[in-house]
Structures are given as C-alpha cells and as structure tokens.
C-alpha cells in the first residue's frame, strides 16, 4: 500500500513559479514509479510528469515540457514538481500518483493505482 500526500498548491500569477511536493510512504517505494497528473474543471485527468524512485529517467506531458521539472528526494521519500513560467491553462487540481515500476513512463491514468488527495493550483492573469 502506498500513501501519498501533496502540498504546495496555491494562487499565483502568470509567469510565476511554484513547487509542489508529494510525500510518499510505502514499504517498498523502489518498486514504484511516480507521476504527477492534473485535472481542470470539465476536463479529463492529464499526465504531467513521471519519474522512477531509482535512476534518473523522467517523462513529461507535451504541454509542460521545458517548463516543469519532476525530481525526488529518496531520503525524504518525497517527489517534487517544479513549475516555472506558469500559464493560465496550468490551472487545475494536481495529483501525485504511484504505479508499479514496470509501468514507468506510462501516461495512462488506469495504470496508477495509488493517488493523493490533490492540491489546487490557480494561475491568474
């Protein structure tokens, strides 16, 4: 079982930066890959970024490439999402999720069986 808790959301202006955190707890985190998703009102949940607990490979959705960076701190069992150059269309609830490591890199919501409660990010003009 994996327990995930997101934090760091808030209200920012377009062009600002924000860093989200996801604190994870599980007996064997190394067997999971982590992902960030987001969901705007009336839209489907969208893959944002992904990372394994081991190695350095990262994955990004097309809409955030070059602006967002996913990283992790293994000692603190925490995954981060650094969001730069935020746009109005980045407004959404952001979720942290975990998937078995063999699904690493997957952008498919059904592959992720563990989810946090979400944190709201609102970008204003």
Protein backbone atom coordinates (compact mmCIF):
# COMPACT_ATOMS: atom_id res chain seq x y z
CA UNK A 1 0.00 0.00 0.00
CA UNK A 2 1.22 3.49 -0.87
CA UNK A 3 0.07 6.62 0.92
CA UNK A 4 0.57 9.93 -0.88
CA UNK A 5 0.11 13.48 0.38
CA UNK A 6 0.51 16.51 -1.87
CA UNK A 7 1.26 20.04 -0.78
CA UNK A 8 2.43 23.35 -2.20
CA UNK A 9 -0.50 24.44 -4.31
CA UNK A 10 -1.79 27.98 -4.30
CA UNK A 11 -2.74 31.09 -6.23
CA UNK A 12 -0.03 32.62 -8.42
CA UNK A 13 0.18 34.98 -11.36
CA UNK A 14 1.00 34.01 -14.91
CA UNK A 15 4.76 33.72 -15.33
CA UNK A 16 5.36 32.82 -11.70
CA UNK A 17 6.82 29.60 -10.34
CA UNK A 18 5.50 27.11 -7.83
CA UNK A 19 6.85 23.87 -6.38
CA UNK A 20 4.59 21.00 -5.43
CA UNK A 21 5.62 18.24 -3.06
CA UNK A 22 4.37 14.69 -2.69
CA UNK A 23 5.28 12.82 0.48
CA UNK A 24 5.11 9.07 -0.07
CA UNK A 25 5.04 6.20 2.36
CA UNK A 26 5.27 2.53 1.46
CA UNK A 27 7.30 -0.49 2.45
CA UNK A 28 8.99 -0.77 -0.94
CA UNK A 29 8.96 2.54 -2.74
CA UNK A 30 11.71 1.35 -5.07
CA UNK A 31 9.14 -0.91 -6.75
CA UNK A 32 7.05 2.08 -7.80
CA UNK A 33 7.29 4.85 -10.35
CA UNK A 34 5.70 8.18 -9.53
CA UNK A 35 3.66 10.54 -11.60
CA UNK A 36 2.03 13.93 -11.44
CA UNK A 37 -1.34 14.43 -13.09
CA UNK A 38 -3.69 17.37 -13.22
CA UNK A 39 -7.37 17.85 -13.80
CA UNK A 40 -9.05 21.10 -14.76
CA UNK A 41 -12.82 21.61 -14.36
CA UNK A 42 -14.72 19.79 -17.07
CA UNK A 43 -11.61 18.11 -18.44
CA UNK A 44 -10.08 14.66 -18.19
CA UNK A 45 -7.18 13.96 -15.88
CA UNK A 46 -3.95 14.70 -17.75
CA UNK A 47 -0.45 13.29 -17.33
CA UNK A 48 2.08 15.95 -16.36
CA UNK A 49 5.33 14.23 -15.41
CA UNK A 50 6.76 10.93 -14.20
CA UNK A 51 9.89 9.57 -12.52
CA UNK A 52 11.19 6.33 -11.04
CA UNK A 53 12.42 6.12 -7.45
CA UNK A 54 15.72 4.78 -8.85
CA UNK A 55 17.63 6.09 -11.82
CA UNK A 56 17.31 9.48 -13.45
CA UNK A 57 14.80 8.96 -16.25
CA UNK A 58 11.95 11.45 -16.29
CA UNK A 59 8.90 11.82 -18.51
CA UNK A 60 6.73 14.83 -19.35
CA UNK A 61 3.48 15.70 -20.98
CA UNK A 62 3.82 17.79 -24.11
CA UNK A 63 2.10 20.81 -22.60
CA UNK A 64 4.66 21.20 -19.79
CA UNK A 65 7.95 20.18 -21.44
CA UNK A 66 10.63 22.78 -20.85
CA UNK A 67 8.64 24.49 -18.06
CA UNK A 68 8.09 21.79 -15.42
CA UNK A 69 10.67 19.58 -13.75
CA UNK A 70 9.99 16.46 -11.71
CA UNK A 71 12.53 15.32 -9.14
CA UNK A 72 12.72 13.27 -5.97
CA UNK A 73 14.46 13.15 -2.63
CA UNK A 74 14.89 9.48 -1.76
CA UNK A 75 15.99 10.23 1.79
CA UNK A 76 12.71 12.06 2.43
CA UNK A 77 10.53 9.84 0.24
CA UNK A 78 9.31 12.96 -1.50
CA UNK A 79 8.68 13.77 -5.13
CA UNK A 80 8.64 17.36 -6.34
CA UNK A 81 7.16 19.17 -9.29
CA UNK A 82 8.86 22.46 -10.04
CA UNK A 83 6.58 24.56 -12.22
CA UNK A 84 8.04 27.58 -13.98
CA UNK A 85 6.56 30.09 -16.41
CA UNK A 86 3.07 29.18 -15.28
CA UNK A 87 0.23 29.85 -17.68
CA UNK A 88 -3.49 30.35 -17.16
CA UNK A 89 -4.10 26.92 -18.68
CA UNK A 90 -2.00 25.29 -15.95
CA UNK A 91 -4.83 25.96 -13.51
CA UNK A 92 -6.01 22.59 -12.19
CA UNK A 93 -6.00 20.23 -9.26
CA UNK A 94 -2.65 18.46 -9.26
CA UNK A 95 -2.43 14.86 -8.13
CA UNK A 96 0.50 12.69 -7.19
CA UNK A 97 0.19 9.02 -8.15
CA UNK A 98 2.14 5.77 -7.95
CA UNK A 99 2.34 2.87 -10.38
CA UNK A 100 4.34 -0.37 -10.32
CA UNK A 101 7.77 0.23 -11.74
CA UNK A 102 7.07 -1.88 -14.83
CA UNK A 103 4.60 0.86 -15.83
CA UNK A 104 7.28 3.51 -15.52
CA UNK A 105 6.73 6.24 -18.06
CA UNK A 106 3.07 5.42 -18.51
CA UNK A 107 0.80 8.39 -19.11
CA UNK A 108 -2.35 6.36 -18.61
CA UNK A 109 -4.46 7.11 -15.56
CA UNK A 110 -5.66 3.48 -15.11
CA UNK A 111 -2.05 2.31 -14.68
CA UNK A 112 -1.78 4.30 -11.46
CA UNK A 113 -3.42 2.57 -8.54
CA UNK A 114 -2.46 4.95 -5.76
CA UNK A 115 -3.43 8.62 -5.61
CA UNK A 116 -3.08 11.55 -3.30
CA UNK A 117 -5.93 13.88 -2.42
CA UNK A 118 -4.78 16.60 -4.82
CA UNK A 119 -3.67 20.20 -4.40
CA UNK A 120 -5.19 23.18 -6.20
CA UNK A 121 -3.04 25.36 -8.43
CA UNK A 122 -4.65 28.53 -9.73
CA UNK A 123 -2.86 30.81 -12.17
CA UNK A 124 -4.31 34.29 -12.62
CA UNK A 125 -3.58 36.97 -15.20
